[in-house]
Amino acid sequence: MVSPWVLIDGNWFDLASFGFALVYAFWRSKKSPTRHGLISKASAMNIANGTSLFPLLALSLSLFSSHLLEEIIHANRLILSVAGLCALLALLEDDFKEV
């Protein structure tokens, strides 16, 4: 008998990032005053933004754990770079707003 978990071979970091993305997108869709469907640009952006939440949280907690920092570095550089880009854009948003 084959366990259904055998088919899921992602590492824990990727799975947590994906889980955070889905929870964030669901939360944003419920919080939004304008209702949009599951298949929409807003949903896609919410999932993309949610994907960067777990790496940023893990990165901030890596101050207390060198093992966590090693896991972040080895897990997936793409997710970590997207999280860093989102953080950078959020920091620079006010500087580049047109007055």
C-alpha atoms as a PDB file:
ATOM      1  CA  MET A   1       0.000   0.000   0.000  1.00  0.00           C
ATOM      2  CA  VAL A   2       1.398   3.385  -1.022  1.00  0.00           C
ATOM      3  CA  SER A   3       0.920   6.316   1.299  1.00  0.00           C
ATOM      4  CA  PRO A   4      -0.487   9.492  -0.306  1.00  0.00           C
ATOM      5  CA  TRP A   5       2.346  11.432   1.333  1.00  0.00           C
ATOM      6  CA  VAL A   6       4.879   9.650  -0.881  1.00  0.00           C
ATOM      7  CA  LEU A   7       3.600  11.668  -3.837  1.00  0.00           C
ATOM      8  CA  ILE A   8       4.396  14.968  -2.101  1.00  0.00           C
ATOM      9  CA  ASP A   9       8.160  15.345  -2.251  1.00  0.00           C
ATOM     10  CA  GLY A  10       8.608  19.068  -1.575  1.00  0.00           C
ATOM     11  CA  ASN A  11      10.753  20.127   1.355  1.00  0.00           C
ATOM     12  CA  TRP A  12       9.139  21.593   4.471  1.00  0.00           C
ATOM     13  CA  PHE A  13      10.178  25.133   3.602  1.00  0.00           C
ATOM     14  CA  ASP A  14       8.450  25.096   0.205  1.00  0.00           C
ATOM     15  CA  LEU A  15       5.344  23.444   1.636  1.00  0.00           C
ATOM     16  CA  ALA A  16       5.134  26.022   4.425  1.00  0.00           C
ATOM     17  CA  SER A  17       5.563  28.863   1.917  1.00  0.00           C
ATOM     18  CA  PHE A  18       2.798  27.451  -0.259  1.00  0.00           C
ATOM     19  CA  GLY A  19       0.550  26.955   2.772  1.00  0.00           C
ATOM     20  CA  PHE A  20       1.123  30.533   3.905  1.00  0.00           C
ATOM     21  CA  ALA A  21       0.345  31.730   0.363  1.00  0.00           C
ATOM     22  CA  LEU A  22      -3.004  29.936   0.279  1.00  0.00           C
ATOM     23  CA  VAL A  23      -4.005  31.087   3.757  1.00  0.00           C
ATOM     24  CA  TYR A  24      -2.993  34.670   2.954  1.00  0.00           C
ATOM     25  CA  ALA A  25      -4.901  34.667  -0.355  1.00  0.00           C
ATOM     26  CA  PHE A  26      -8.006  33.273   1.358  1.00  0.00           C
ATOM     27  CA  TRP A  27      -7.744  35.849   4.167  1.00  0.00           C
ATOM     28  CA  ARG A  28      -7.306  38.715   1.690  1.00  0.00           C
ATOM     29  CA  SER A  29     -10.262  37.578  -0.388  1.00  0.00           C
ATOM     30  CA  LYS A  30     -12.488  37.551   2.701  1.00  0.00           C
ATOM     31  CA  LYS A  31     -11.159  40.928   3.869  1.00  0.00           C
ATOM     32  CA  SER A  32     -11.533  42.674   0.503  1.00  0.00           C
ATOM     33  CA  PRO A  33     -14.587  44.941   0.115  1.00  0.00           C
ATOM     34  CA  THR A  34     -14.834  44.015  -3.577  1.00  0.00           C
ATOM     35  CA  ARG A  35     -15.485  40.340  -4.151  1.00  0.00           C
ATOM     36  CA  HIS A  36     -13.498  38.776  -6.937  1.00  0.00           C
ATOM     37  CA  GLY A  37     -13.483  35.182  -8.079  1.00  0.00           C
ATOM     38  CA  LEU A  38     -10.815  32.622  -7.454  1.00  0.00           C
ATOM     39  CA  ILE A  39      -9.602  33.032 -11.025  1.00  0.00           C
ATOM     40  CA  SER A  40      -8.518  36.671 -11.072  1.00  0.00           C
ATOM     41  CA  LYS A  41      -5.482  38.945 -11.105  1.00  0.00           C
ATOM     42  CA  ALA A  42      -6.158  39.897  -7.483  1.00  0.00           C
ATOM     43  CA  SER A  43      -6.035  36.252  -6.394  1.00  0.00           C
ATOM     44  CA  ALA A  44      -2.805  35.713  -8.308  1.00  0.00           C
ATOM     45  CA  MET A  45      -1.195  38.737  -6.647  1.00  0.00           C
ATOM     46  CA  ASN A  46      -2.395  37.627  -3.216  1.00  0.00           C
ATOM     47  CA  ILE A  47      -0.842  34.189  -3.731  1.00  0.00           C
ATOM     48  CA  ALA A  48       2.404  35.734  -5.003  1.00  0.00           C
ATOM     49  CA  ASN A  49       2.543  38.101  -2.030  1.00  0.00           C
ATOM     50  CA  GLY A  50       1.647  35.324   0.392  1.00  0.00           C
ATOM     51  CA  THR A  51       4.473  33.144  -0.922  1.00  0.00           C
ATOM     52  CA  SER A  52       7.025  35.606   0.430  1.00  0.00           C
ATOM     53  CA  LEU A  53       5.550  35.771   3.947  1.00  0.00           C
ATOM     54  CA  PHE A  54       6.975  32.530   5.337  1.00  0.00           C
ATOM     55  CA  PRO A  55      10.533  33.121   4.062  1.00  0.00           C
ATOM     56  CA  LEU A  56      10.483  36.621   5.570  1.00  0.00           C
ATOM     57  CA  LEU A  57       9.166  35.257   8.875  1.00  0.00           C
ATOM     58  CA  ALA A  58      11.765  32.480   8.883  1.00  0.00           C
ATOM     59  CA  LEU A  59      14.501  34.944   7.972  1.00  0.00           C
ATOM     60  CA  SER A  60      13.566  37.189  10.889  1.00  0.00           C
ATOM     61  CA  LEU A  61      13.536  34.195  13.251  1.00  0.00           C
ATOM     62  CA  SER A  62      16.884  32.912  11.952  1.00  0.00           C
ATOM     63  CA  LEU A  63      18.512  35.414  14.278  1.00  0.00           C
ATOM     64  CA  PHE A  64      17.816  32.907  17.043  1.00  0.00           C
ATOM     65  CA  SER A  65      18.653  29.699  15.170  1.00  0.00           C
ATOM     66  CA  SER A  66      21.623  28.983  12.913  1.00  0.00           C
ATOM     67  CA  HIS A  67      19.926  25.713  11.876  1.00  0.00           C
ATOM     68  CA  LEU A  68      16.955  27.686  10.571  1.00  0.00           C
ATOM     69  CA  LEU A  69      19.275  29.991   8.619  1.00  0.00           C
ATOM     70  CA  GLU A  70      20.953  26.984   6.995  1.00  0.00           C
ATOM     71  CA  GLU A  71      17.548  25.556   6.073  1.00  0.00           C
ATOM     72  CA  ILE A  72      16.521  28.868   4.516  1.00  0.00           C
ATOM     73  CA  ILE A  73      19.677  29.073   2.426  1.00  0.00           C
ATOM     74  CA  HIS A  74      19.474  25.468   1.225  1.00  0.00           C
ATOM     75  CA  ALA A  75      15.706  25.202   0.807  1.00  0.00           C
ATOM     76  CA  ASN A  76      14.899  27.390  -2.152  1.00  0.00           C
ATOM     77  CA  ARG A  77      16.793  30.407  -3.298  1.00  0.00           C
ATOM     78  CA  LEU A  78      14.021  31.511  -5.634  1.00  0.00           C
ATOM     79  CA  ILE A  79      11.473  31.905  -2.841  1.00  0.00           C
ATOM     80  CA  LEU A  80      14.022  33.685  -0.677  1.00  0.00           C
ATOM     81  CA  SER A  81      14.925  36.076  -3.495  1.00  0.00           C
ATOM     82  CA  VAL A  82      11.238  36.807  -4.191  1.00  0.00           C
ATOM     83  CA  ALA A  83      10.712  37.490  -0.481  1.00  0.00           C
ATOM     84  CA  GLY A  84      13.689  39.842  -0.480  1.00  0.00           C
ATOM     85  CA  LEU A  85      12.417  41.631  -3.575  1.00  0.00           C
ATOM     86  CA  CYS A  86       8.956  42.075  -2.013  1.00  0.00           C
ATOM     87  CA  ALA A  87      10.539  43.455   1.144  1.00  0.00           C
ATOM     88  CA  LEU A  88      12.736  45.817  -0.872  1.00  0.00           C
ATOM     89  CA  LEU A  89       9.791  47.120  -2.889  1.00  0.00           C
ATOM     90  CA  ALA A  90       7.748  47.616   0.275  1.00  0.00           C
ATOM     91  CA  LEU A  91      10.578  49.615   1.852  1.00  0.00           C
ATOM     92  CA  LEU A  92      11.067  51.793  -1.219  1.00  0.00           C
ATOM     93  CA  GLU A  93       7.369  52.360  -1.936  1.00  0.00           C
ATOM     94  CA  ASP A  94       7.124  55.719  -0.157  1.00  0.00           C
ATOM     95  CA  ASP A  95      10.311  57.042  -1.757  1.00  0.00           C
ATOM     96  CA  PHE A  96       9.021  56.485  -5.282  1.00  0.00           C
ATOM     97  CA  LYS A  97       5.416  57.609  -4.881  1.00  0.00           C
ATOM     98  CA  GLU A  98       4.498  60.536  -7.072  1.00  0.00           C
ATOM     99  CA  VAL A  99       3.358  63.574  -5.160  1.00  0.00           C
END
